[in-house]
Amino acid sequence: MSIANKAFVWLLFAAGGTLTALLFPVLIALFLLVAAGVVPSGLEYEAMHGFASSIIGRTALFVVVSLSAWHAAHRMRILAHDLGIRADRAVAWTVYSLAAIATVTAAVLLAVTRSPVS
C-alpha cells in the first residue's frame, strides 16, 4: 500500500474507532432501557422514524455505518496478520473492498429509501 493510501486508511480507521467508542456504550445503555420496558420518549418509533427520515438523520446514519465499517476492516486486516496470514496485499484489498461496498450500500439505501407520506 502506498504512503498516500495509508494516510487515508488510517484517517478512516481512527475516525471510525473514535466514533464507535463514543456511540456504542450509549447505544447499549439505551437498548438495555428499552429491553427493561422503559422507553424514553425520544426512542419511540415515531420519533426515531422522524429522525432517520430527515437529512441530518440520514447523514448521521451514513457516517456511523461507513466509519464503523472502515474501522472494522482495518481491525480485520490486523487480525489476519496476527493469525499468521501473510498475504497482506490480498487481505487489505479484500477487507477494504468490503468496507467500500458497505459504504456505497449505506449511501444508496439511505438515498433511495423514502419515508411514507403521512
Protein backbone atom coordinates (compact mmCIF):
# COMPACT_ATOMS: atom_id res chain seq x y z
CA MET A 1 0.00 0.00 0.00
CA SER A 2 1.45 3.37 -0.97
CA ILE A 3 2.08 6.13 1.54
CA ALA A 4 -0.80 8.25 0.19
CA ASN A 5 -3.30 5.40 0.61
CA LYS A 6 -2.02 4.54 4.07
CA ALA A 7 -2.82 8.01 5.42
CA PHE A 8 -6.38 7.83 4.08
CA VAL A 9 -6.97 4.38 5.57
CA TRP A 10 -5.57 5.47 8.94
CA LEU A 11 -7.86 8.52 8.91
CA LEU A 12 -10.92 6.34 8.37
CA PHE A 13 -9.70 3.81 10.95
CA ALA A 14 -9.13 6.45 13.64
CA ALA A 15 -12.39 8.28 12.93
CA GLY A 16 -14.35 5.02 12.99
CA GLY A 17 -12.71 3.88 16.21
CA THR A 18 -13.37 7.18 17.94
CA LEU A 19 -16.98 7.31 16.80
CA THR A 20 -17.57 3.70 17.76
CA ALA A 21 -16.00 4.18 21.18
CA LEU A 22 -18.22 7.18 21.86
CA LEU A 23 -21.52 5.90 20.49
CA PHE A 24 -21.69 2.20 21.28
CA PRO A 25 -21.78 2.50 25.10
CA VAL A 26 -24.64 4.97 24.77
CA LEU A 27 -26.48 2.67 22.37
CA ILE A 28 -26.00 -0.30 24.68
CA ALA A 29 -27.40 1.67 27.63
CA LEU A 30 -30.41 2.80 25.59
CA PHE A 31 -31.10 -0.72 24.32
CA LEU A 32 -30.93 -2.04 27.89
CA LEU A 33 -33.52 0.56 28.93
CA VAL A 34 -35.80 -0.47 26.07
CA ALA A 35 -35.33 -4.16 26.93
CA ALA A 36 -36.27 -3.42 30.54
CA GLY A 37 -39.53 -1.85 29.34
CA VAL A 38 -38.51 1.74 29.97
CA VAL A 39 -38.82 3.52 26.64
CA PRO A 40 -37.78 7.17 26.75
CA SER A 41 -39.99 9.42 24.63
CA GLY A 42 -37.15 10.07 22.18
CA LEU A 43 -36.87 6.35 21.41
CA GLU A 44 -40.46 5.77 20.39
CA TYR A 45 -40.97 4.62 16.82
CA GLU A 46 -42.40 7.89 15.54
CA ALA A 47 -39.52 9.95 16.94
CA MET A 48 -36.84 7.58 15.64
CA HIS A 49 -38.51 7.35 12.23
CA GLY A 50 -38.72 11.12 12.03
CA PHE A 51 -35.04 11.44 12.84
CA ALA A 52 -33.98 8.72 10.39
CA SER A 53 -36.11 10.31 7.65
CA SER A 54 -34.51 13.74 7.97
CA ILE A 55 -31.40 14.74 6.07
CA ILE A 56 -29.48 15.14 9.34
CA GLY A 57 -30.55 11.67 10.48
CA ARG A 58 -29.62 10.08 7.18
CA THR A 59 -26.24 11.79 7.24
CA ALA A 60 -25.62 10.65 10.82
CA LEU A 61 -26.58 7.07 9.95
CA PHE A 62 -24.29 7.13 6.92
CA VAL A 63 -21.35 8.45 8.93
CA VAL A 64 -21.81 5.89 11.71
CA VAL A 65 -22.20 2.92 9.35
CA SER A 66 -19.41 3.84 6.96
CA LEU A 67 -16.81 4.83 9.56
CA SER A 68 -17.57 1.74 11.64
CA ALA A 69 -17.13 -0.41 8.51
CA TRP A 70 -13.73 1.13 7.76
CA HIS A 71 -12.62 0.71 11.36
CA ALA A 72 -13.72 -2.93 11.34
CA ALA A 73 -11.94 -3.53 8.02
CA HIS A 74 -8.63 -2.35 9.39
CA ARG A 75 -9.11 -4.42 12.55
CA MET A 76 -9.77 -7.48 10.38
CA ARG A 77 -6.56 -6.80 8.45
CA ILE A 78 -4.55 -6.64 11.67
CA LEU A 79 -6.31 -9.78 12.95
CA ALA A 80 -5.39 -11.67 9.78
CA HIS A 81 -1.77 -10.67 10.26
CA ASP A 82 -1.86 -11.77 13.92
CA LEU A 83 -3.31 -15.12 12.87
CA GLY A 84 -0.34 -15.67 10.55
CA ILE A 85 -1.90 -14.80 7.22
CA ARG A 86 0.97 -13.03 5.49
CA ALA A 87 -0.77 -12.25 2.19
CA ASP A 88 -1.20 -8.64 3.29
CA ARG A 89 -1.97 -7.23 -0.14
CA ALA A 90 -4.81 -9.71 -0.72
CA VAL A 91 -6.17 -9.28 2.79
CA ALA A 92 -6.02 -5.49 2.55
CA TRP A 93 -7.70 -5.50 -0.84
CA THR A 94 -10.47 -7.80 0.42
CA VAL A 95 -11.31 -6.06 3.70
CA TYR A 96 -11.09 -2.54 2.29
CA SER A 97 -13.22 -3.57 -0.68
CA LEU A 98 -15.85 -4.87 1.74
CA ALA A 99 -15.73 -1.58 3.65
CA ALA A 100 -16.14 0.33 0.39
CA ILE A 101 -19.10 -1.88 -0.56
CA ALA A 102 -20.68 -1.26 2.87
CA THR A 103 -20.19 2.48 2.43
CA VAL A 104 -21.72 2.54 -1.05
CA THR A 105 -24.58 0.28 0.07
CA ALA A 106 -25.36 2.55 3.02
CA ALA A 107 -25.30 5.61 0.77
CA VAL A 108 -27.58 4.02 -1.82
CA LEU A 109 -30.05 2.66 0.73
CA LEU A 110 -30.24 5.96 2.59
CA ALA A 111 -30.66 7.92 -0.65
CA VAL A 112 -33.23 5.62 -2.22
CA THR A 113 -35.38 4.84 0.80
CA ARG A 114 -38.18 7.35 1.14
CA SER A 115 -40.33 7.90 4.19
CA PRO A 116 -44.01 7.12 3.70
CA VAL A 117 -46.29 10.09 3.20
CA SER A 118 -48.28 10.70 6.35
